[in-house]
Amino acid sequence: MEPRIELFPTTKFIGKRLKMSLTANRTLELWQGFMPQIGRIQNRLGTELFSVEVYNETLFFEYYSPEKLFEKWAAVPVSHLEFIPSAMEPLEIPKGLYAVFLYKGKASEAPKAYAYIFGTWIPNSDYLLDSRPHFAIMGEKYKNEDPNSEEELWIPIRKA
């Protein structure tokens, strides 16, 4: 599982967010609240869905615990933020370098891929984890629990 390295441009999003931890995972609740409202978002770019994680604590991964809280977003990219539907919020991901991993398999088995990324790939690469949002892009090949599902895992990095 080797990534491609990409520069992600500054991008605006509209979506919903919830605080959660891995032990108190509220991802299903987040997406169930977002998807019925997605048609209200104007100026949408493309059809992909973004699952964004914002780790406010600088040392989140260095002192990792499955009980640590983070912010998770269900969002879509937009051209501008002139109209934000009620119960939704804007998000901007700043420009930066990312390691992009193509994940194939059931969504419930993605933690194995993340374990490889954080436990093997990053420590053995020429990069360090950067403190910008992490995200997954779910396009037309994303099928949730289907073993043939595909999504891209974008991990923020910087040169060591």
C-alpha atoms as a PDB file:
ATOM      1  CA  MET A   1       0.000   0.000   0.000  1.00  0.00           C
ATOM      2  CA  GLU A   2       2.166   2.829  -1.309  1.00  0.00           C
ATOM      3  CA  PRO A   3       0.757   6.347  -1.485  1.00  0.00           C
ATOM      4  CA  ARG A   4       1.050   9.022  -4.067  1.00  0.00           C
ATOM      5  CA  ILE A   5       2.172  12.410  -2.723  1.00  0.00           C
ATOM      6  CA  GLU A   6      -0.065  15.337  -3.672  1.00  0.00           C
ATOM      7  CA  LEU A   7      -0.391  19.024  -2.950  1.00  0.00           C
ATOM      8  CA  PHE A   8      -4.025  19.657  -1.958  1.00  0.00           C
ATOM      9  CA  PRO A   9      -5.235  23.192  -2.732  1.00  0.00           C
ATOM     10  CA  THR A  10      -7.041  25.368  -0.195  1.00  0.00           C
ATOM     11  CA  THR A  11     -10.631  24.136  -0.439  1.00  0.00           C
ATOM     12  CA  LYS A  12     -13.940  25.354   0.991  1.00  0.00           C
ATOM     13  CA  PHE A  13     -16.558  22.904   2.265  1.00  0.00           C
ATOM     14  CA  ILE A  14     -20.048  22.923   3.684  1.00  0.00           C
ATOM     15  CA  GLY A  15     -21.094  20.169   6.025  1.00  0.00           C
ATOM     16  CA  LYS A  16     -22.001  18.976   9.468  1.00  0.00           C
ATOM     17  CA  ARG A  17     -19.679  18.047  12.323  1.00  0.00           C
ATOM     18  CA  LEU A  18     -19.772  16.109  15.560  1.00  0.00           C
ATOM     19  CA  LYS A  19     -17.261  15.593  18.350  1.00  0.00           C
ATOM     20  CA  MET A  20     -16.436  11.927  18.884  1.00  0.00           C
ATOM     21  CA  SER A  21     -13.746   9.440  19.803  1.00  0.00           C
ATOM     22  CA  LEU A  22     -12.979   6.011  18.441  1.00  0.00           C
ATOM     23  CA  THR A  23     -14.605   4.428  21.490  1.00  0.00           C
ATOM     24  CA  ALA A  24     -17.663   6.711  21.204  1.00  0.00           C
ATOM     25  CA  ASN A  25     -17.908   6.687  17.413  1.00  0.00           C
ATOM     26  CA  ARG A  26     -20.803   8.771  16.066  1.00  0.00           C
ATOM     27  CA  THR A  27     -19.983   8.487  12.351  1.00  0.00           C
ATOM     28  CA  LEU A  28     -23.278   6.826  11.427  1.00  0.00           C
ATOM     29  CA  GLU A  29     -25.232   9.524  13.291  1.00  0.00           C
ATOM     30  CA  LEU A  30     -23.216  12.230  11.496  1.00  0.00           C
ATOM     31  CA  TRP A  31     -23.856  10.893   8.006  1.00  0.00           C
ATOM     32  CA  GLN A  32     -27.523  10.119   8.729  1.00  0.00           C
ATOM     33  CA  GLY A  33     -27.945  13.770   9.699  1.00  0.00           C
ATOM     34  CA  PHE A  34     -26.037  15.073   6.676  1.00  0.00           C
ATOM     35  CA  MET A  35     -27.185  13.027   3.677  1.00  0.00           C
ATOM     36  CA  PRO A  36     -30.890  13.989   3.764  1.00  0.00           C
ATOM     37  CA  GLN A  37     -29.821  17.665   3.698  1.00  0.00           C
ATOM     38  CA  ILE A  38     -27.142  17.473   0.996  1.00  0.00           C
ATOM     39  CA  GLY A  39     -29.494  18.711  -1.730  1.00  0.00           C
ATOM     40  CA  ARG A  40     -29.751  22.084   0.038  1.00  0.00           C
ATOM     41  CA  ILE A  41     -26.061  22.843  -0.575  1.00  0.00           C
ATOM     42  CA  GLN A  42     -25.504  25.288  -3.427  1.00  0.00           C
ATOM     43  CA  ASN A  43     -22.339  25.763  -5.492  1.00  0.00           C
ATOM     44  CA  ARG A  44     -21.228  22.171  -4.938  1.00  0.00           C
ATOM     45  CA  LEU A  45     -18.081  21.035  -6.751  1.00  0.00           C
ATOM     46  CA  GLY A  46     -18.228  17.448  -8.020  1.00  0.00           C
ATOM     47  CA  THR A  47     -20.109  14.520  -6.545  1.00  0.00           C
ATOM     48  CA  GLU A  48     -17.573  13.209  -4.027  1.00  0.00           C
ATOM     49  CA  LEU A  49     -18.274  13.087  -0.313  1.00  0.00           C
ATOM     50  CA  PHE A  50     -15.577  14.049   2.189  1.00  0.00           C
ATOM     51  CA  SER A  51     -15.198  12.523   5.625  1.00  0.00           C
ATOM     52  CA  VAL A  52     -12.909  14.992   7.404  1.00  0.00           C
ATOM     53  CA  GLU A  53     -11.204  14.591  10.774  1.00  0.00           C
ATOM     54  CA  VAL A  54      -9.856  17.585  12.654  1.00  0.00           C
ATOM     55  CA  TYR A  55      -7.520  16.794  15.516  1.00  0.00           C
ATOM     56  CA  ASN A  56      -7.211  19.985  17.569  1.00  0.00           C
ATOM     57  CA  GLU A  57      -4.566  18.584  19.848  1.00  0.00           C
ATOM     58  CA  THR A  58      -1.077  18.902  18.344  1.00  0.00           C
ATOM     59  CA  LEU A  59       0.120  15.689  19.991  1.00  0.00           C
ATOM     60  CA  PHE A  60      -3.067  13.697  19.295  1.00  0.00           C
ATOM     61  CA  PHE A  61      -1.204  10.824  17.644  1.00  0.00           C
ATOM     62  CA  GLU A  62       1.947  10.984  19.746  1.00  0.00           C
ATOM     63  CA  TYR A  63      -0.035  10.327  22.923  1.00  0.00           C
ATOM     64  CA  TYR A  64      -2.777   8.322  21.268  1.00  0.00           C
ATOM     65  CA  SER A  65      -5.790   6.986  23.138  1.00  0.00           C
ATOM     66  CA  PRO A  66      -9.053   5.712  21.589  1.00  0.00           C
ATOM     67  CA  GLU A  67     -10.940   7.893  24.103  1.00  0.00           C
ATOM     68  CA  LYS A  68      -9.448  11.169  22.801  1.00  0.00           C
ATOM     69  CA  LEU A  69     -12.009  13.471  21.224  1.00  0.00           C
ATOM     70  CA  PHE A  70     -11.744  14.820  17.696  1.00  0.00           C
ATOM     71  CA  GLU A  71     -14.078  16.564  15.295  1.00  0.00           C
ATOM     72  CA  LYS A  72     -15.501  14.630  12.358  1.00  0.00           C
ATOM     73  CA  TRP A  73     -17.184  16.276   9.398  1.00  0.00           C
ATOM     74  CA  ALA A  74     -19.479  14.992   6.660  1.00  0.00           C
ATOM     75  CA  ALA A  75     -18.914  17.573   3.929  1.00  0.00           C
ATOM     76  CA  VAL A  76     -18.800  18.472   0.251  1.00  0.00           C
ATOM     77  CA  PRO A  77     -16.527  20.957  -1.521  1.00  0.00           C
ATOM     78  CA  VAL A  78     -18.097  24.190  -2.761  1.00  0.00           C
ATOM     79  CA  SER A  79     -16.971  27.053  -4.980  1.00  0.00           C
ATOM     80  CA  HIS A  80     -17.936  29.686  -2.407  1.00  0.00           C
ATOM     81  CA  LEU A  81     -19.670  30.091   0.919  1.00  0.00           C
ATOM     82  CA  GLU A  82     -22.342  32.674   0.091  1.00  0.00           C
ATOM     83  CA  PHE A  83     -25.209  30.443   1.191  1.00  0.00           C
ATOM     84  CA  ILE A  84     -24.816  28.008   4.083  1.00  0.00           C
ATOM     85  CA  PRO A  85     -27.971  25.988   4.828  1.00  0.00           C
ATOM     86  CA  SER A  86     -29.252  26.083   8.404  1.00  0.00           C
ATOM     87  CA  ALA A  87     -27.775  23.397  10.677  1.00  0.00           C
ATOM     88  CA  MET A  88     -24.655  23.269   8.457  1.00  0.00           C
ATOM     89  CA  GLU A  89     -21.309  25.005   8.786  1.00  0.00           C
ATOM     90  CA  PRO A  90     -18.378  26.099   6.618  1.00  0.00           C
ATOM     91  CA  LEU A  91     -14.990  24.405   6.751  1.00  0.00           C
ATOM     92  CA  GLU A  92     -11.779  25.314   4.954  1.00  0.00           C
ATOM     93  CA  ILE A  93      -8.891  22.922   4.489  1.00  0.00           C
ATOM     94  CA  PRO A  94      -5.655  24.832   3.874  1.00  0.00           C
ATOM     95  CA  LYS A  95      -3.248  24.029   1.068  1.00  0.00           C
ATOM     96  CA  GLY A  96      -0.744  21.357   1.979  1.00  0.00           C
ATOM     97  CA  LEU A  97       1.089  18.160   1.148  1.00  0.00           C
ATOM     98  CA  TYR A  98      -0.730  14.835   1.561  1.00  0.00           C
ATOM     99  CA  ALA A  99       0.075  11.151   1.291  1.00  0.00           C
ATOM    100  CA  VAL A 100      -2.876   9.653  -0.600  1.00  0.00           C
ATOM    101  CA  PHE A 101      -3.621   5.970  -0.044  1.00  0.00           C
ATOM    102  CA  LEU A 102      -6.136   4.067  -2.157  1.00  0.00           C
ATOM    103  CA  TYR A 103      -8.116   1.880   0.223  1.00  0.00           C
ATOM    104  CA  LYS A 104     -10.075  -1.045  -1.202  1.00  0.00           C
ATOM    105  CA  GLY A 105     -12.389  -3.000   1.069  1.00  0.00           C
ATOM    106  CA  LYS A 106     -15.143  -2.744   3.630  1.00  0.00           C
ATOM    107  CA  ALA A 107     -15.375   0.536   5.526  1.00  0.00           C
ATOM    108  CA  SER A 108     -15.373  -1.375   8.819  1.00  0.00           C
ATOM    109  CA  GLU A 109     -11.934  -2.806   7.985  1.00  0.00           C
ATOM    110  CA  ALA A 110     -10.305   0.587   7.231  1.00  0.00           C
ATOM    111  CA  PRO A 111      -8.715   0.779  10.732  1.00  0.00           C
ATOM    112  CA  LYS A 112      -6.218  -1.862   9.527  1.00  0.00           C
ATOM    113  CA  ALA A 113      -5.143   0.490   6.735  1.00  0.00           C
ATOM    114  CA  TYR A 114      -4.789   3.386   9.171  1.00  0.00           C
ATOM    115  CA  ALA A 115      -2.736   1.201  11.516  1.00  0.00           C
ATOM    116  CA  TYR A 116      -0.342   0.504   8.618  1.00  0.00           C
ATOM    117  CA  ILE A 117      -0.185   4.193   7.628  1.00  0.00           C
ATOM    118  CA  PHE A 118       0.542   5.509  11.128  1.00  0.00           C
ATOM    119  CA  GLY A 119       2.471   2.518  12.472  1.00  0.00           C
ATOM    120  CA  THR A 120       4.567   1.509   9.465  1.00  0.00           C
ATOM    121  CA  TRP A 121       4.474   3.885   6.504  1.00  0.00           C
ATOM    122  CA  ILE A 122       4.985   7.245   8.241  1.00  0.00           C
ATOM    123  CA  PRO A 123       7.771   6.044  10.600  1.00  0.00           C
ATOM    124  CA  ASN A 124       9.628   4.540   7.625  1.00  0.00           C
ATOM    125  CA  SER A 125       9.081   7.418   5.193  1.00  0.00           C
ATOM    126  CA  ASP A 126      10.832  10.723   4.605  1.00  0.00           C
ATOM    127  CA  TYR A 127       7.776  12.510   6.018  1.00  0.00           C
ATOM    128  CA  LEU A 128       6.262  13.528   9.337  1.00  0.00           C
ATOM    129  CA  LEU A 129       2.590  13.822  10.149  1.00  0.00           C
ATOM    130  CA  ASP A 130       1.433  17.429   9.777  1.00  0.00           C
ATOM    131  CA  SER A 131      -1.244  19.178  11.830  1.00  0.00           C
ATOM    132  CA  ARG A 132      -3.919  19.803   9.193  1.00  0.00           C
ATOM    133  CA  PRO A 133      -7.223  17.997   8.646  1.00  0.00           C
ATOM    134  CA  HIS A 134      -7.169  14.354   7.569  1.00  0.00           C
ATOM    135  CA  PHE A 135      -9.870  13.212   5.155  1.00  0.00           C
ATOM    136  CA  ALA A 136     -11.261  10.412   3.039  1.00  0.00           C
ATOM    137  CA  ILE A 137     -12.755  11.051  -0.378  1.00  0.00           C
ATOM    138  CA  MET A 138     -15.646   8.782  -1.210  1.00  0.00           C
ATOM    139  CA  GLY A 139     -16.409   8.858  -4.925  1.00  0.00           C
ATOM    140  CA  GLU A 140     -18.464   6.712  -7.253  1.00  0.00           C
ATOM    141  CA  LYS A 141     -16.543   3.524  -6.338  1.00  0.00           C
ATOM    142  CA  TYR A 142     -17.333   3.906  -2.616  1.00  0.00           C
ATOM    143  CA  LYS A 143     -19.823   1.251  -1.507  1.00  0.00           C
ATOM    144  CA  ASN A 144     -19.471   1.276   2.314  1.00  0.00           C
ATOM    145  CA  GLU A 145     -19.407  -2.390   3.438  1.00  0.00           C
ATOM    146  CA  ASP A 146     -18.844  -3.916  -0.009  1.00  0.00           C
ATOM    147  CA  PRO A 147     -15.435  -5.677  -0.218  1.00  0.00           C
ATOM    148  CA  ASN A 148     -14.936  -3.989  -3.632  1.00  0.00           C
ATOM    149  CA  SER A 149     -15.497  -0.490  -2.237  1.00  0.00           C
ATOM    150  CA  GLU A 150     -12.794   2.121  -2.899  1.00  0.00           C
ATOM    151  CA  GLU A 151     -11.941   5.418  -1.233  1.00  0.00           C
ATOM    152  CA  GLU A 152      -8.901   7.646  -0.922  1.00  0.00           C
ATOM    153  CA  LEU A 153      -7.329   8.295   2.474  1.00  0.00           C
ATOM    154  CA  TRP A 154      -5.570  11.694   2.567  1.00  0.00           C
ATOM    155  CA  ILE A 155      -3.010  12.032   5.383  1.00  0.00           C
ATOM    156  CA  PRO A 156      -1.362  15.455   5.941  1.00  0.00           C
ATOM    157  CA  ILE A 157       2.420  15.259   5.806  1.00  0.00           C
ATOM    158  CA  ARG A 158       5.517  17.448   5.717  1.00  0.00           C
ATOM    159  CA  LYS A 159       9.118  16.691   4.839  1.00  0.00           C
ATOM    160  CA  ALA A 160      11.118  15.337   7.764  1.00  0.00           C
END
